[in-house]
C-alpha atoms as a PDB file:
ATOM      1  CA  MET A   1     -84.594-144.201 -75.289  1.00  0.00           C
ATOM      2  CA  ARG A   2     -83.549-142.467 -72.179  1.00  0.00           C
ATOM      3  CA  ALA A   3     -80.888-144.599 -70.405  1.00  0.00           C
ATOM      4  CA  ALA A   4     -79.428-144.714 -67.039  1.00  0.00           C
ATOM      5  CA  ILE A   5     -76.585-146.606 -65.991  1.00  0.00           C
ATOM      6  CA  TYR A   6     -75.793-147.732 -62.611  1.00  0.00           C
ATOM      7  CA  THR A   7     -72.675-148.755 -61.558  1.00  0.00           C
ATOM      8  CA  ARG A   8     -71.530-150.969 -58.142  1.00  0.00           C
ATOM      9  CA  VAL A   9     -68.547-152.281 -56.399  1.00  0.00           C
ATOM     10  CA  SER A  10     -68.176-153.531 -53.399  1.00  0.00           C
ATOM     11  CA  THR A  11     -64.881-151.647 -52.259  1.00  0.00           C
ATOM     12  CA  SER A  12     -63.643-148.435 -52.736  1.00  0.00           C
ATOM     13  CA  ASP A  13     -60.373-149.517 -53.827  1.00  0.00           C
ATOM     14  CA  GLN A  14     -62.517-151.500 -56.962  1.00  0.00           C
ATOM     15  CA  SER A  15     -63.093-149.160 -60.291  1.00  0.00           C
ATOM     16  CA  THR A  16     -66.715-149.014 -61.957  1.00  0.00           C
ATOM     17  CA  ASP A  17     -64.505-147.749 -65.269  1.00  0.00           C
ATOM     18  CA  ARG A  18     -64.988-150.828 -67.144  1.00  0.00           C
ATOM     19  CA  GLN A  19     -68.774-151.246 -66.634  1.00  0.00           C
ATOM     20  CA  ILE A  20     -69.437-147.739 -67.811  1.00  0.00           C
ATOM     21  CA  ARG A  21     -67.363-148.016 -70.574  1.00  0.00           C
ATOM     22  CA  GLU A  22     -69.479-150.963 -71.738  1.00  0.00           C
ATOM     23  CA  LEU A  23     -72.464-149.721 -70.866  1.00  0.00           C
ATOM     24  CA  ARG A  24     -71.579-146.632 -72.840  1.00  0.00           C
ATOM     25  CA  ALA A  25     -70.800-148.518 -75.888  1.00  0.00           C
ATOM     26  CA  TYR A  26     -74.057-150.883 -75.148  1.00  0.00           C
ATOM     27  CA  ALA A  27     -76.341-147.428 -75.364  1.00  0.00           C
ATOM     28  CA  ALA A  28     -74.594-145.927 -78.111  1.00  0.00           C
ATOM     29  CA  ALA A  29     -75.131-148.768 -80.097  1.00  0.00           C
ATOM     30  CA  ARG A  30     -78.587-149.167 -79.383  1.00  0.00           C
ATOM     31  CA  ASN A  31     -78.629-144.927 -79.783  1.00  0.00           C
ATOM     32  CA  TRP A  32     -80.002-144.681 -76.735  1.00  0.00           C
ATOM     33  CA  GLU A  33     -79.242-141.568 -74.840  1.00  0.00           C
ATOM     34  CA  ILE A  34     -77.981-141.663 -71.644  1.00  0.00           C
ATOM     35  CA  VAL A  35     -79.105-138.930 -69.008  1.00  0.00           C
ATOM     36  CA  ARG A  36     -77.813-139.957 -65.818  1.00  0.00           C
ATOM     37  CA  GLU A  37     -74.642-142.314 -64.742  1.00  0.00           C
ATOM     38  CA  VAL A  38     -74.885-143.458 -60.781  1.00  0.00           C
ATOM     39  CA  GLN A  39     -71.434-145.458 -59.137  1.00  0.00           C
ATOM     40  CA  GLU A  40     -71.567-146.931 -55.951  1.00  0.00           C
ATOM     41  CA  VAL A  41     -69.430-148.321 -53.326  1.00  0.00           C
ATOM     42  CA  ALA A  42     -71.775-150.882 -51.618  1.00  0.00           C
ATOM     43  CA  SER A  43     -72.205-154.421 -50.711  1.00  0.00           C
ATOM     44  CA  GLY A  44     -74.932-155.931 -52.683  1.00  0.00           C
ATOM     45  CA  ALA A  45     -76.150-157.540 -49.531  1.00  0.00           C
ATOM     46  CA  SER A  46     -76.424-154.267 -48.216  1.00  0.00           C
ATOM     47  CA  LYS A  47     -80.130-152.693 -48.365  1.00  0.00           C
ATOM     48  CA  LYS A  48     -78.636-148.886 -48.146  1.00  0.00           C
ATOM     49  CA  ARG A  49     -77.634-147.717 -51.511  1.00  0.00           C
ATOM     50  CA  PRO A  50     -78.830-144.078 -52.216  1.00  0.00           C
ATOM     51  CA  MET A  51     -77.519-144.177 -55.819  1.00  0.00           C
ATOM     52  CA  ARG A  52     -79.570-146.888 -56.870  1.00  0.00           C
ATOM     53  CA  GLU A  53     -82.335-145.477 -55.120  1.00  0.00           C
ATOM     54  CA  GLU A  54     -81.971-142.399 -56.854  1.00  0.00           C
ATOM     55  CA  VAL A  55     -82.075-144.231 -60.405  1.00  0.00           C
ATOM     56  CA  LEU A  56     -84.988-145.997 -59.053  1.00  0.00           C
ATOM     57  CA  GLN A  57     -86.847-142.610 -58.634  1.00  0.00           C
ATOM     58  CA  LEU A  58     -85.593-141.552 -61.999  1.00  0.00           C
ATOM     59  CA  ALA A  59     -87.950-144.390 -63.406  1.00  0.00           C
ATOM     60  CA  ARG A  60     -90.656-143.670 -61.164  1.00  0.00           C
ATOM     61  CA  SER A  61     -91.057-140.183 -62.511  1.00  0.00           C
ATOM     62  CA  ARG A  62     -90.588-141.630 -65.966  1.00  0.00           C
ATOM     63  CA  SER A  63     -87.239-139.296 -66.402  1.00  0.00           C
ATOM     64  CA  VAL A  64     -85.694-142.912 -68.006  1.00  0.00           C
ATOM     65  CA  ASP A  65     -86.779-145.083 -70.444  1.00  0.00           C
ATOM     66  CA  ALA A  66     -84.397-148.002 -69.620  1.00  0.00           C
ATOM     67  CA  ILE A  67     -81.880-148.954 -66.453  1.00  0.00           C
ATOM     68  CA  LEU A  68     -78.590-150.451 -67.715  1.00  0.00           C
ATOM     69  CA  VAL A  69     -76.658-152.617 -65.374  1.00  0.00           C
ATOM     70  CA  LEU A  70     -73.424-154.380 -66.500  1.00  0.00           C
ATOM     71  CA  THR A  71     -74.171-157.626 -64.376  1.00  0.00           C
ATOM     72  CA  LEU A  72     -77.013-158.834 -62.388  1.00  0.00           C
ATOM     73  CA  ASP A  73     -75.385-159.000 -59.176  1.00  0.00           C
ATOM     74  CA  ARG A  74     -74.404-155.407 -59.739  1.00  0.00           C
ATOM     75  CA  TRP A  75     -77.752-154.286 -58.997  1.00  0.00           C
ATOM     76  CA  GLY A  76     -78.583-157.057 -56.471  1.00  0.00           C
ATOM     77  CA  ARG A  77     -78.056-160.173 -54.530  1.00  0.00           C
ATOM     78  CA  SER A  78     -81.418-161.331 -53.304  1.00  0.00           C
ATOM     79  CA  VAL A  79     -84.223-162.534 -55.196  1.00  0.00           C
ATOM     80  CA  GLN A  80     -86.835-160.988 -53.685  1.00  0.00           C
ATOM     81  CA  ASP A  81     -85.043-157.523 -54.390  1.00  0.00           C
ATOM     82  CA  LEU A  82     -84.583-158.532 -58.104  1.00  0.00           C
ATOM     83  CA  VAL A  83     -88.257-159.616 -57.981  1.00  0.00           C
ATOM     84  CA  LEU A  84     -89.413-156.513 -56.375  1.00  0.00           C
ATOM     85  CA  THR A  85     -87.793-153.828 -58.444  1.00  0.00           C
ATOM     86  CA  MET A  86     -87.744-155.658 -61.984  1.00  0.00           C
ATOM     87  CA  ALA A  87     -92.013-155.964 -61.554  1.00  0.00           C
ATOM     88  CA  GLU A  88     -91.736-152.419 -60.170  1.00  0.00           C
ATOM     89  CA  LEU A  89     -89.682-151.705 -63.119  1.00  0.00           C
ATOM     90  CA  GLU A  90     -91.999-153.940 -65.523  1.00  0.00           C
ATOM     91  CA  ALA A  91     -95.110-151.790 -64.382  1.00  0.00           C
ATOM     92  CA  LEU A  92     -93.610-148.365 -64.954  1.00  0.00           C
ATOM     93  CA  GLY A  93     -93.007-149.355 -68.233  1.00  0.00           C
ATOM     94  CA  VAL A  94     -89.251-148.993 -67.880  1.00  0.00           C
ATOM     95  CA  ALA A  95     -86.722-151.555 -69.242  1.00  0.00           C
ATOM     96  CA  PHE A  96     -84.364-153.345 -67.151  1.00  0.00           C
ATOM     97  CA  VAL A  97     -81.075-154.324 -69.354  1.00  0.00           C
ATOM     98  CA  VAL A  98     -78.188-156.206 -68.484  1.00  0.00           C
ATOM     99  CA  PRO A  99     -76.160-156.335 -72.125  1.00  0.00           C
ATOM    100  CA  GLY A 100     -76.612-159.470 -73.733  1.00  0.00           C
ATOM    101  CA  HIS A 101     -78.444-161.045 -70.830  1.00  0.00           C
ATOM    102  CA  ILE A 102     -81.302-159.566 -69.940  1.00  0.00           C
ATOM    103  CA  ASP A 103     -84.229-157.318 -71.594  1.00  0.00           C
ATOM    104  CA  MET A 104     -86.950-157.219 -69.392  1.00  0.00           C
ATOM    105  CA  SER A 105     -89.188-156.204 -72.378  1.00  0.00           C
ATOM    106  CA  THR A 106     -89.550-159.943 -73.274  1.00  0.00           C
ATOM    107  CA  PRO A 107     -91.055-163.107 -71.673  1.00  0.00           C
ATOM    108  CA  MET A 108     -87.566-164.933 -72.181  1.00  0.00           C
ATOM    109  CA  GLY A 109     -85.578-162.014 -70.368  1.00  0.00           C
ATOM    110  CA  ARG A 110     -87.849-161.635 -67.430  1.00  0.00           C
ATOM    111  CA  MET A 111     -87.429-165.231 -67.025  1.00  0.00           C
ATOM    112  CA  LEU A 112     -83.527-165.314 -67.227  1.00  0.00           C
ATOM    113  CA  ALA A 113     -83.734-162.828 -65.101  1.00  0.00           C
ATOM    114  CA  HIS A 114     -85.196-164.807 -62.184  1.00  0.00           C
ATOM    115  CA  PHE A 115     -82.899-167.427 -62.717  1.00  0.00           C
ATOM    116  CA  LEU A 116     -80.160-165.229 -62.840  1.00  0.00           C
ATOM    117  CA  GLY A 117     -81.163-163.424 -59.691  1.00  0.00           C
ATOM    118  CA  ALA A 118     -81.510-167.019 -57.760  1.00  0.00           C
ATOM    119  CA  VAL A 119     -77.752-168.382 -58.972  1.00  0.00           C
ATOM    120  CA  ALA A 120     -76.207-164.593 -57.218  1.00  0.00           C
ATOM    121  CA  GLU A 121     -78.572-165.233 -54.327  1.00  0.00           C
ATOM    122  CA  PHE A 122     -77.259-168.821 -53.753  1.00  0.00           C
ATOM    123  CA  GLU A 123     -73.473-167.626 -54.751  1.00  0.00           C
ATOM    124  CA  ARG A 124     -73.606-165.184 -51.817  1.00  0.00           C
ATOM    125  CA  GLU A 125     -75.429-167.991 -49.434  1.00  0.00           C
ATOM    126  CA  LEU A 126     -71.789-170.212 -50.700  1.00  0.00           C
ATOM    127  CA  ILE A 127     -69.752-167.263 -49.216  1.00  0.00           C
ATOM    128  CA  ARG A 128     -72.419-167.096 -45.960  1.00  0.00           C
ATOM    129  CA  GLU A 129     -71.549-170.592 -45.308  1.00  0.00           C
ATOM    130  CA  ARG A 130     -67.994-171.034 -46.076  1.00  0.00           C
ATOM    131  CA  VAL A 131     -67.428-167.789 -43.527  1.00  0.00           C
ATOM    132  CA  ARG A 132     -69.106-169.748 -40.983  1.00  0.00           C
ATOM    133  CA  SER A 133     -67.413-172.728 -41.609  1.00  0.00           C
ATOM    134  CA  GLY A 134     -64.014-170.979 -40.908  1.00  0.00           C
ATOM    135  CA  LEU A 135     -65.046-169.094 -37.744  1.00  0.00           C
ATOM    136  CA  ALA A 136     -65.854-172.821 -36.291  1.00  0.00           C
ATOM    137  CA  ASN A 137     -63.063-174.262 -37.496  1.00  0.00           C
ATOM    138  CA  ALA A 138     -61.561-170.981 -35.715  1.00  0.00           C
ATOM    139  CA  ARG A 139     -63.079-171.698 -32.323  1.00  0.00           C
ATOM    140  CA  ALA A 140     -62.175-175.604 -32.911  1.00  0.00           C
ATOM    141  CA  LYS A 141     -58.629-174.528 -33.449  1.00  0.00           C
ATOM    142  CA  GLY A 142     -58.940-172.704 -30.112  1.00  0.00           C
ATOM    143  CA  LYS A 143     -58.428-169.519 -31.641  1.00  0.00           C
ATOM    144  CA  ARG A 144     -60.195-166.382 -29.902  1.00  0.00           C
ATOM    145  CA  LEU A 145     -62.522-164.165 -32.041  1.00  0.00           C
ATOM    146  CA  GLY A 146     -64.177-160.879 -31.546  1.00  0.00           C
ATOM    147  CA  ARG A 147     -62.892-158.030 -30.183  1.00  0.00           C
ATOM    148  CA  PRO A 148     -60.169-158.170 -27.846  1.00  0.00           C
ATOM    149  CA  GLU A 149     -60.972-157.710 -24.262  1.00  0.00           C
ATOM    150  CA  ALA A 150     -60.512-154.924 -22.577  1.00  0.00           C
ATOM    151  CA  VAL A 151     -57.116-153.892 -20.383  1.00  0.00           C
ATOM    152  CA  PRO A 152     -58.541-154.328 -16.673  1.00  0.00           C
ATOM    153  CA  ILE A 153     -56.797-151.719 -15.636  1.00  0.00           C
ATOM    154  CA  LEU A 154     -58.382-149.071 -18.168  1.00  0.00           C
ATOM    155  CA  VAL A 155     -62.039-150.949 -16.976  1.00  0.00           C
ATOM    156  CA  LYS A 156     -61.380-149.539 -13.449  1.00  0.00           C
ATOM    157  CA  GLU A 157     -59.867-146.362 -14.462  1.00  0.00           C
ATOM    158  CA  GLY A 158     -63.418-145.916 -16.003  1.00  0.00           C
ATOM    159  CA  LEU A 159     -65.122-147.056 -13.206  1.00  0.00           C
ATOM    160  CA  ALA A 160     -63.743-144.358 -10.679  1.00  0.00           C
ATOM    161  CA  LEU A 161     -64.242-141.745 -13.406  1.00  0.00           C
ATOM    162  CA  LEU A 162     -68.251-142.746 -13.184  1.00  0.00           C
ATOM    163  CA  GLU A 163     -68.074-143.135  -9.522  1.00  0.00           C
ATOM    164  CA  ALA A 164     -66.664-139.505  -9.703  1.00  0.00           C
ATOM    165  CA  GLY A 165     -69.990-138.012 -11.565  1.00  0.00           C
ATOM    166  CA  GLU A 166     -68.394-138.784 -15.178  1.00  0.00           C
ATOM    167  CA  THR A 167     -71.006-139.621 -17.801  1.00  0.00           C
ATOM    168  CA  TYR A 168     -70.628-143.056 -19.677  1.00  0.00           C
ATOM    169  CA  ARG A 169     -69.302-141.365 -22.660  1.00  0.00           C
ATOM    170  CA  LYS A 170     -66.714-139.211 -21.043  1.00  0.00           C
ATOM    171  CA  ALA A 171     -65.927-142.265 -18.938  1.00  0.00           C
ATOM    172  CA  ALA A 172     -65.345-144.084 -22.121  1.00  0.00           C
ATOM    173  CA  ARG A 173     -63.299-141.729 -23.615  1.00  0.00           C
ATOM    174  CA  ASN A 174     -60.825-140.505 -20.978  1.00  0.00           C
ATOM    175  CA  SER A 175     -60.125-144.318 -19.968  1.00  0.00           C
ATOM    176  CA  GLY A 176     -59.859-145.833 -23.240  1.00  0.00           C
ATOM    177  CA  VAL A 177     -62.715-148.244 -23.227  1.00  0.00           C
ATOM    178  CA  SER A 178     -66.153-148.377 -24.749  1.00  0.00           C
ATOM    179  CA  VAL A 179     -69.438-147.755 -22.929  1.00  0.00           C
ATOM    180  CA  SER A 180     -70.716-151.114 -22.910  1.00  0.00           C
ATOM    181  CA  THR A 181     -67.571-152.266 -21.513  1.00  0.00           C
ATOM    182  CA  LEU A 182     -68.113-149.980 -18.783  1.00  0.00           C
ATOM    183  CA  LEU A 183     -72.063-150.939 -18.374  1.00  0.00           C
ATOM    184  CA  ARG A 184     -70.712-154.631 -18.072  1.00  0.00           C
ATOM    185  CA  ALA A 185     -68.125-153.969 -15.669  1.00  0.00           C
ATOM    186  CA  ARG A 186     -70.805-151.814 -13.332  1.00  0.00           C
ATOM    187  CA  ARG A 187     -72.834-154.476 -13.668  1.00  0.00           C
ATOM    188  CA  LYS A 188     -70.959-157.201 -12.858  1.00  0.00           C
ATOM    189  CA  ARG A 189     -69.523-155.555  -9.905  1.00  0.00           C
ATOM    190  CA  ASN A 190     -72.875-154.390  -8.342  1.00  0.00           C
ATOM    191  CA  ARG A 191     -73.971-157.873  -8.689  1.00  0.00           C
ATOM    192  CA  ALA A 192     -71.004-159.334  -6.609  1.00  0.00           C
END
């Protein structure tokens, strides 16, 4: 069988070395030929993962018979995404394999994949809820969140540049404030 290995980490300071090592060993134990290994740095929730898309294209072109991923959450954390991609792979006759856990060529493997996908999505929702709670707590304590306010003298300088005929982009760059800050300031001044 021809296999593609997909590895992913969330940040550039993390490494895919362990994932690659374990997946290579698994493929060797099954006598599978590794035809492509990809490494991606992206959030599991991100919709833009070009390396994962490359692996899916290999499956669609029938250049691989199996896709190896060390853990289900490396592939994705949305149940909908997992269900859709696994259904597509099943229709293509390409096995989705998480060593020791899932082999999509069996009914038990498909059921387990759906269950683990739900758990991964649940974990993501818990993290999101903790972040929201932390932000609400910080606001309740009076902490200002978000971007710092623009320095008024710089905003005035940017408005003066606009009045002198500069574009918003140039005025923003030369005054050290954002275009949106200048737009808001100009609207506010025109209303007054």
